[in-house]
């Protein structure tokens, strides 16, 4: 079997992230979750630093596997 341009699949929008999360996060395990946590938290800190919000909320959800991060900006 040869690999050609016909084998390339173009994924659009969030479909790409859902089908190939490791390509964007680097890992789909705990390491990837930690990476995402820091990226999202950094975005909220940027909002605070720019004066667009003054509170960041971090919740470790009851399933023990997911985290919710939000800010008031």
PDB file of N, CA and C in Angstrom:
ATOM      1  N   UNK A   1       0.848  -1.184   0.000  1.00  0.00           N
ATOM      2  CA  UNK A   1       0.000   0.000   0.000  1.00  0.00           C
ATOM      3  C   UNK A   1       0.892   1.245   0.000  1.00  0.00           C
ATOM      4  N   UNK A   2       0.605   2.166  -0.876  1.00  0.00           N
ATOM      5  CA  UNK A   2       1.393   3.397  -0.926  1.00  0.00           C
ATOM      6  C   UNK A   2       0.583   4.550  -0.341  1.00  0.00           C
ATOM      7  N   UNK A   3       1.303   5.492   0.188  1.00  0.00           N
ATOM      8  CA  UNK A   3       0.692   6.669   0.805  1.00  0.00           C
ATOM      9  C   UNK A   3       0.736   7.802  -0.196  1.00  0.00           C
ATOM     10  N   UNK A   4      -0.429   8.343  -0.553  1.00  0.00           N
ATOM     11  CA  UNK A   4      -0.506   9.437  -1.524  1.00  0.00           C
ATOM     12  C   UNK A   4      -1.376  10.556  -0.964  1.00  0.00           C
ATOM     13  N   UNK A   5      -1.523  11.594  -1.749  1.00  0.00           N
ATOM     14  CA  UNK A   5      -2.355  12.724  -1.340  1.00  0.00           C
ATOM     15  C   UNK A   5      -3.806  12.300  -1.114  1.00  0.00           C
ATOM     16  N   UNK A   6      -4.225  11.227  -1.767  1.00  0.00           N
ATOM     17  CA  UNK A   6      -5.594  10.731  -1.580  1.00  0.00           C
ATOM     18  C   UNK A   6      -5.835  10.213  -0.170  1.00  0.00           C
ATOM     19  N   UNK A   7      -4.751   9.875   0.536  1.00  0.00           N
ATOM     20  CA  UNK A   7      -4.872   9.373   1.904  1.00  0.00           C
ATOM     21  C   UNK A   7      -5.017  10.484   2.939  1.00  0.00           C
ATOM     22  N   UNK A   8      -4.788  11.719   2.538  1.00  0.00           N
ATOM     23  CA  UNK A   8      -4.854  12.843   3.472  1.00  0.00           C
ATOM     24  C   UNK A   8      -6.316  13.211   3.722  1.00  0.00           C
ATOM     25  N   UNK A   9      -6.653  13.292   4.995  1.00  0.00           N
ATOM     26  CA  UNK A   9      -8.021  13.652   5.379  1.00  0.00           C
ATOM     27  C   UNK A   9      -7.976  15.021   6.040  1.00  0.00           C
ATOM     28  N   UNK A  10      -8.728  15.970   5.513  1.00  0.00           N
ATOM     29  CA  UNK A  10      -8.781  17.321   6.069  1.00  0.00           C
ATOM     30  C   UNK A  10      -9.925  17.389   7.072  1.00  0.00           C
ATOM     31  N   UNK A  11      -9.606  17.714   8.307  1.00  0.00           N
ATOM     32  CA  UNK A  11     -10.610  17.856   9.354  1.00  0.00           C
ATOM     33  C   UNK A  11     -10.786  19.334   9.644  1.00  0.00           C
ATOM     34  N   UNK A  12     -12.019  19.775   9.783  1.00  0.00           N
ATOM     35  CA  UNK A  12     -12.285  21.199   9.983  1.00  0.00           C
ATOM     36  C   UNK A  12     -12.792  21.470  11.394  1.00  0.00           C
ATOM     37  N   UNK A  13     -12.467  22.644  11.899  1.00  0.00           N
ATOM     38  CA  UNK A  13     -12.967  23.089  13.196  1.00  0.00           C
ATOM     39  C   UNK A  13     -12.585  22.155  14.331  1.00  0.00           C
ATOM     40  N   UNK A  14     -13.499  21.999  15.278  1.00  0.00           N
ATOM     41  CA  UNK A  14     -13.245  21.161  16.443  1.00  0.00           C
ATOM     42  C   UNK A  14     -13.247  19.673  16.118  1.00  0.00           C
ATOM     43  N   UNK A  15     -13.733  19.314  14.944  1.00  0.00           N
ATOM     44  CA  UNK A  15     -13.716  17.903  14.527  1.00  0.00           C
ATOM     45  C   UNK A  15     -12.285  17.363  14.579  1.00  0.00           C
ATOM     46  N   UNK A  16     -11.332  18.175  14.175  1.00  0.00           N
ATOM     47  CA  UNK A  16      -9.931  17.753  14.180  1.00  0.00           C
ATOM     48  C   UNK A  16      -9.442  17.474  15.601  1.00  0.00           C
ATOM     49  N   UNK A  17      -9.795  18.328  16.526  1.00  0.00           N
ATOM     50  CA  UNK A  17      -9.368  18.149  17.915  1.00  0.00           C
ATOM     51  C   UNK A  17     -10.027  16.915  18.523  1.00  0.00           C
ATOM     52  N   UNK A  18     -11.287  16.703  18.216  1.00  0.00           N
ATOM     53  CA  UNK A  18     -12.002  15.537  18.756  1.00  0.00           C
ATOM     54  C   UNK A  18     -11.445  14.226  18.211  1.00  0.00           C
ATOM     55  N   UNK A  19     -11.082  14.210  16.939  1.00  0.00           N
ATOM     56  CA  UNK A  19     -10.596  12.969  16.335  1.00  0.00           C
ATOM     57  C   UNK A  19      -9.116  12.719  16.605  1.00  0.00           C
ATOM     58  N   UNK A  20      -8.320  13.783  16.763  1.00  0.00           N
ATOM     59  CA  UNK A  20      -6.877  13.637  16.940  1.00  0.00           C
ATOM     60  C   UNK A  20      -6.366  14.536  18.075  1.00  0.00           C
ATOM     61  N   UNK A  21      -6.874  14.359  19.310  1.00  0.00           N
ATOM     62  CA  UNK A  21      -6.503  15.271  20.400  1.00  0.00           C
ATOM     63  C   UNK A  21      -5.001  15.300  20.700  1.00  0.00           C
ATOM     64  N   UNK A  22      -4.327  14.175  20.582  1.00  0.00           N
ATOM     65  CA  UNK A  22      -2.897  14.138  20.909  1.00  0.00           C
ATOM     66  C   UNK A  22      -2.083  15.019  19.969  1.00  0.00           C
ATOM     67  N   UNK A  23      -2.598  15.263  18.785  1.00  0.00           N
ATOM     68  CA  UNK A  23      -1.898  16.114  17.829  1.00  0.00           C
ATOM     69  C   UNK A  23      -1.852  17.566  18.318  1.00  0.00           C
ATOM     70  N   UNK A  24      -2.828  17.967  19.100  1.00  0.00           N
ATOM     71  CA  UNK A  24      -2.928  19.349  19.576  1.00  0.00           C
ATOM     72  C   UNK A  24      -2.450  19.500  21.013  1.00  0.00           C
ATOM     73  N   UNK A  25      -2.637  18.464  21.803  1.00  0.00           N
ATOM     74  CA  UNK A  25      -2.304  18.525  23.222  1.00  0.00           C
ATOM     75  C   UNK A  25      -0.950  17.881  23.497  1.00  0.00           C
ATOM     76  N   UNK A  26      -0.582  16.905  22.695  1.00  0.00           N
ATOM     77  CA  UNK A  26       0.670  16.202  22.887  1.00  0.00           C
ATOM     78  C   UNK A  26       0.493  14.871  23.586  1.00  0.00           C
ATOM     79  N   UNK A  27      -0.603  14.720  24.322  1.00  0.00           N
ATOM     80  CA  UNK A  27      -0.844  13.494  25.080  1.00  0.00           C
ATOM     81  C   UNK A  27      -2.316  13.470  25.473  1.00  0.00           C
ATOM     82  N   UNK A  28      -2.905  12.305  25.523  1.00  0.00           N
ATOM     83  CA  UNK A  28      -4.308  12.216  25.935  1.00  0.00           C
ATOM     84  C   UNK A  28      -4.451  11.651  27.341  1.00  0.00           C
ATOM     85  N   UNK A  29      -3.352  11.532  28.054  1.00  0.00           N
ATOM     86  CA  UNK A  29      -3.377  11.039  29.429  1.00  0.00           C
ATOM     87  C   UNK A  29      -3.283  12.180  30.421  1.00  0.00           C
ATOM     88  N   UNK A  30      -2.796  11.866  31.614  1.00  0.00           N
ATOM     89  CA  UNK A  30      -2.678  12.871  32.680  1.00  0.00           C
ATOM     90  C   UNK A  30      -1.759  14.023  32.287  1.00  0.00           C
ATOM     91  N   UNK A  31      -0.694  13.719  31.576  1.00  0.00           N
ATOM     92  CA  UNK A  31       0.240  14.764  31.143  1.00  0.00           C
ATOM     93  C   UNK A  31      -0.475  15.782  30.245  1.00  0.00           C
ATOM     94  N   UNK A  32      -1.307  15.285  29.338  1.00  0.00           N
ATOM     95  CA  UNK A  32      -2.073  16.171  28.465  1.00  0.00           C
ATOM     96  C   UNK A  32      -3.085  16.994  29.228  1.00  0.00           C
ATOM     97  N   UNK A  33      -3.743  16.381  30.218  1.00  0.00           N
ATOM     98  CA  UNK A  33      -4.703  17.113  31.043  1.00  0.00           C
ATOM     99  C   UNK A  33      -4.007  18.243  31.789  1.00  0.00           C
ATOM    100  N   UNK A  34      -2.834  17.954  32.345  1.00  0.00           N
ATOM    101  CA  UNK A  34      -2.088  18.995  33.045  1.00  0.00           C
ATOM    102  C   UNK A  34      -1.683  20.110  32.098  1.00  0.00           C
ATOM    103  N   UNK A  35      -1.269  19.763  30.893  1.00  0.00           N
ATOM    104  CA  UNK A  35      -0.893  20.769  29.903  1.00  0.00           C
ATOM    105  C   UNK A  35      -2.085  21.679  29.589  1.00  0.00           C
ATOM    106  N   UNK A  36      -3.247  21.076  29.349  1.00  0.00           N
ATOM    107  CA  UNK A  36      -4.444  21.869  29.068  1.00  0.00           C
ATOM    108  C   UNK A  36      -4.828  22.756  30.244  1.00  0.00           C
ATOM    109  N   UNK A  37      -4.725  22.204  31.460  1.00  0.00           N
ATOM    110  CA  UNK A  37      -5.036  22.982  32.655  1.00  0.00           C
ATOM    111  C   UNK A  37      -4.186  24.248  32.703  1.00  0.00           C
ATOM    112  N   UNK A  38      -2.871  24.096  32.509  1.00  0.00           N
ATOM    113  CA  UNK A  38      -1.988  25.264  32.567  1.00  0.00           C
ATOM    114  C   UNK A  38      -2.272  26.247  31.438  1.00  0.00           C
ATOM    115  N   UNK A  39      -2.572  25.757  30.246  1.00  0.00           N
ATOM    116  CA  UNK A  39      -2.882  26.654  29.127  1.00  0.00           C
ATOM    117  C   UNK A  39      -4.133  27.477  29.404  1.00  0.00           C
ATOM    118  N   UNK A  40      -5.176  26.815  29.899  1.00  0.00           N
ATOM    119  CA  UNK A  40      -6.434  27.516  30.169  1.00  0.00           C
ATOM    120  C   UNK A  40      -6.278  28.473  31.347  1.00  0.00           C
ATOM    121  N   UNK A  41      -5.572  28.026  32.389  1.00  0.00           N
ATOM    122  CA  UNK A  41      -5.334  28.897  33.534  1.00  0.00           C
ATOM    123  C   UNK A  41      -4.514  30.117  33.114  1.00  0.00           C
ATOM    124  N   UNK A  42      -3.507  29.915  32.272  1.00  0.00           N
ATOM    125  CA  UNK A  42      -2.713  31.044  31.763  1.00  0.00           C
ATOM    126  C   UNK A  42      -3.593  32.051  31.026  1.00  0.00           C
ATOM    127  N   UNK A  43      -4.567  31.557  30.260  1.00  0.00           N
ATOM    128  CA  UNK A  43      -5.480  32.464  29.558  1.00  0.00           C
ATOM    129  C   UNK A  43      -6.281  33.299  30.548  1.00  0.00           C
ATOM    130  N   UNK A  44      -6.736  32.678  31.628  1.00  0.00           N
ATOM    131  CA  UNK A  44      -7.485  33.428  32.641  1.00  0.00           C
ATOM    132  C   UNK A  44      -6.587  34.435  33.346  1.00  0.00           C
ATOM    133  N   UNK A  45      -5.360  34.057  33.638  1.00  0.00           N
ATOM    134  CA  UNK A  45      -4.416  34.987  34.269  1.00  0.00           C
ATOM    135  C   UNK A  45      -4.161  36.176  33.339  1.00  0.00           C
ATOM    136  N   UNK A  46      -4.046  35.920  32.039  1.00  0.00           N
ATOM    137  CA  UNK A  46      -3.893  37.015  31.073  1.00  0.00           C
ATOM    138  C   UNK A  46      -5.079  37.969  31.134  1.00  0.00           C
ATOM    139  N   UNK A  47      -6.294  37.428  31.307  1.00  0.00           N
ATOM    140  CA  UNK A  47      -7.480  38.271  31.424  1.00  0.00           C
ATOM    141  C   UNK A  47      -7.401  39.159  32.667  1.00  0.00           C
ATOM    142  N   UNK A  48      -6.926  38.604  33.775  1.00  0.00           N
ATOM    143  CA  UNK A  48      -6.756  39.393  34.999  1.00  0.00           C
ATOM    144  C   UNK A  48      -5.714  40.488  34.781  1.00  0.00           C
ATOM    145  N   UNK A  49      -4.584  40.110  34.203  1.00  0.00           N
ATOM    146  CA  UNK A  49      -3.482  41.059  33.995  1.00  0.00           C
ATOM    147  C   UNK A  49      -3.888  42.220  33.074  1.00  0.00           C
ATOM    148  N   UNK A  50      -4.791  41.945  32.128  1.00  0.00           N
ATOM    149  CA  UNK A  50      -5.221  43.004  31.210  1.00  0.00           C
ATOM    150  C   UNK A  50      -6.406  43.795  31.759  1.00  0.00           C
ATOM    151  N   UNK A  51      -6.871  43.442  32.963  1.00  0.00           N
ATOM    152  CA  UNK A  51      -7.956  44.183  33.597  1.00  0.00           C
ATOM    153  C   UNK A  51      -9.345  43.780  33.125  1.00  0.00           C
ATOM    154  N   UNK A  52      -9.461  42.664  32.414  1.00  0.00           N
ATOM    155  CA  UNK A  52     -10.763  42.235  31.907  1.00  0.00           C
ATOM    156  C   UNK A  52     -11.557  41.394  32.897  1.00  0.00           C
ATOM    157  N   UNK A  53     -10.928  40.950  33.973  1.00  0.00           N
ATOM    158  CA  UNK A  53     -11.638  40.229  35.023  1.00  0.00           C
ATOM    159  C   UNK A  53     -10.831  40.327  36.317  1.00  0.00           C
ATOM    160  N   UNK A  54     -11.447  39.904  37.423  1.00  0.00           N
ATOM    161  CA  UNK A  54     -10.722  39.941  38.696  1.00  0.00           C
ATOM    162  C   UNK A  54     -10.904  38.662  39.518  1.00  0.00           C
ATOM    163  N   UNK A  55     -11.544  37.652  38.922  1.00  0.00           N
ATOM    164  CA  UNK A  55     -11.731  36.382  39.622  1.00  0.00           C
ATOM    165  C   UNK A  55     -11.516  35.221  38.662  1.00  0.00           C
ATOM    166  N   UNK A  56     -10.842  34.183  39.153  1.00  0.00           N
ATOM    167  CA  UNK A  56     -10.668  32.937  38.409  1.00  0.00           C
ATOM    168  C   UNK A  56     -11.221  31.820  39.276  1.00  0.00           C
ATOM    169  N   UNK A  57     -12.043  30.966  38.685  1.00  0.00           N
ATOM    170  CA  UNK A  57     -12.657  29.858  39.401  1.00  0.00           C
ATOM    171  C   UNK A  57     -12.102  28.541  38.851  1.00  0.00           C
ATOM    172  N   UNK A  58     -11.548  27.715  39.734  1.00  0.00           N
ATOM    173  CA  UNK A  58     -11.032  26.402  39.347  1.00  0.00           C
ATOM    174  C   UNK A  58     -11.776  25.358  40.165  1.00  0.00           C
ATOM    175  N   UNK A  59     -12.417  24.407  39.472  1.00  0.00           N
ATOM    176  CA  UNK A  59     -13.167  23.345  40.139  1.00  0.00           C
ATOM    177  C   UNK A  59     -12.656  21.994  39.663  1.00  0.00           C
ATOM    178  N   UNK A  60     -12.274  21.141  40.620  1.00  0.00           N
ATOM    179  CA  UNK A  60     -11.995  19.751  40.294  1.00  0.00           C
ATOM    180  C   UNK A  60     -13.336  19.041  40.419  1.00  0.00           C
ATOM    181  N   UNK A  61     -13.858  18.549  39.312  1.00  0.00           N
ATOM    182  CA  UNK A  61     -15.200  17.978  39.277  1.00  0.00           C
ATOM    183  C   UNK A  61     -15.271  16.651  40.036  1.00  0.00           C
ATOM    184  N   UNK A  62     -16.479  16.300  40.454  1.00  0.00           N
ATOM    185  CA  UNK A  62     -16.683  15.128  41.311  1.00  0.00           C
ATOM    186  C   UNK A  62     -16.279  13.811  40.651  1.00  0.00           C
ATOM    187  N   UNK A  63     -16.164  13.781  39.324  1.00  0.00           N
ATOM    188  CA  UNK A  63     -15.736  12.543  38.669  1.00  0.00           C
ATOM    189  C   UNK A  63     -14.240  12.292  38.873  1.00  0.00           C
ATOM    190  N   UNK A  64     -13.529  13.312  39.373  1.00  0.00           N
ATOM    191  CA  UNK A  64     -12.103  13.175  39.636  1.00  0.00           C
ATOM    192  C   UNK A  64     -11.246  13.143  38.386  1.00  0.00           C
ATOM    193  N   UNK A  65     -11.852  13.325  37.229  1.00  0.00           N
ATOM    194  CA  UNK A  65     -11.116  13.242  35.971  1.00  0.00           C
ATOM    195  C   UNK A  65     -11.187  14.500  35.136  1.00  0.00           C
ATOM    196  N   UNK A  66     -12.069  15.410  35.512  1.00  0.00           N
ATOM    197  CA  UNK A  66     -12.214  16.636  34.737  1.00  0.00           C
ATOM    198  C   UNK A  66     -12.097  17.850  35.642  1.00  0.00           C
ATOM    199  N   UNK A  67     -11.754  18.960  35.018  1.00  0.00           N
ATOM    200  CA  UNK A  67     -11.560  20.227  35.726  1.00  0.00           C
ATOM    201  C   UNK A  67     -12.331  21.299  34.974  1.00  0.00           C
ATOM    202  N   UNK A  68     -12.950  22.219  35.706  1.00  0.00           N
ATOM    203  CA  UNK A  68     -13.613  23.356  35.107  1.00  0.00           C
ATOM    204  C   UNK A  68     -12.877  24.614  35.530  1.00  0.00           C
ATOM    205  N   UNK A  69     -12.515  25.445  34.564  1.00  0.00           N
ATOM    206  CA  UNK A  69     -11.849  26.712  34.841  1.00  0.00           C
ATOM    207  C   UNK A  69     -12.663  27.815  34.161  1.00  0.00           C
ATOM    208  N   UNK A  70     -12.975  28.854  34.910  1.00  0.00           N
ATOM    209  CA  UNK A  70     -13.683  29.985  34.328  1.00  0.00           C
ATOM    210  C   UNK A  70     -13.215  31.263  35.016  1.00  0.00           C
ATOM    211  N   UNK A  71     -13.502  32.377  34.377  1.00  0.00           N
ATOM    212  CA  UNK A  71     -13.211  33.666  34.988  1.00  0.00           C
ATOM    213  C   UNK A  71     -14.416  34.567  34.759  1.00  0.00           C
ATOM    214  N   UNK A  72     -14.426  35.722  35.397  1.00  0.00           N
ATOM    215  CA  UNK A  72     -15.563  36.611  35.276  1.00  0.00           C
ATOM    216  C   UNK A  72     -15.335  37.699  34.228  1.00  0.00           C
ATOM    217  N   UNK A  73     -14.481  37.408  33.271  1.00  0.00           N
ATOM    218  CA  UNK A  73     -14.166  38.373  32.200  1.00  0.00           C
ATOM    219  C   UNK A  73     -14.863  38.076  30.918  1.00  0.00           C
TER     220      UNK A  73
END
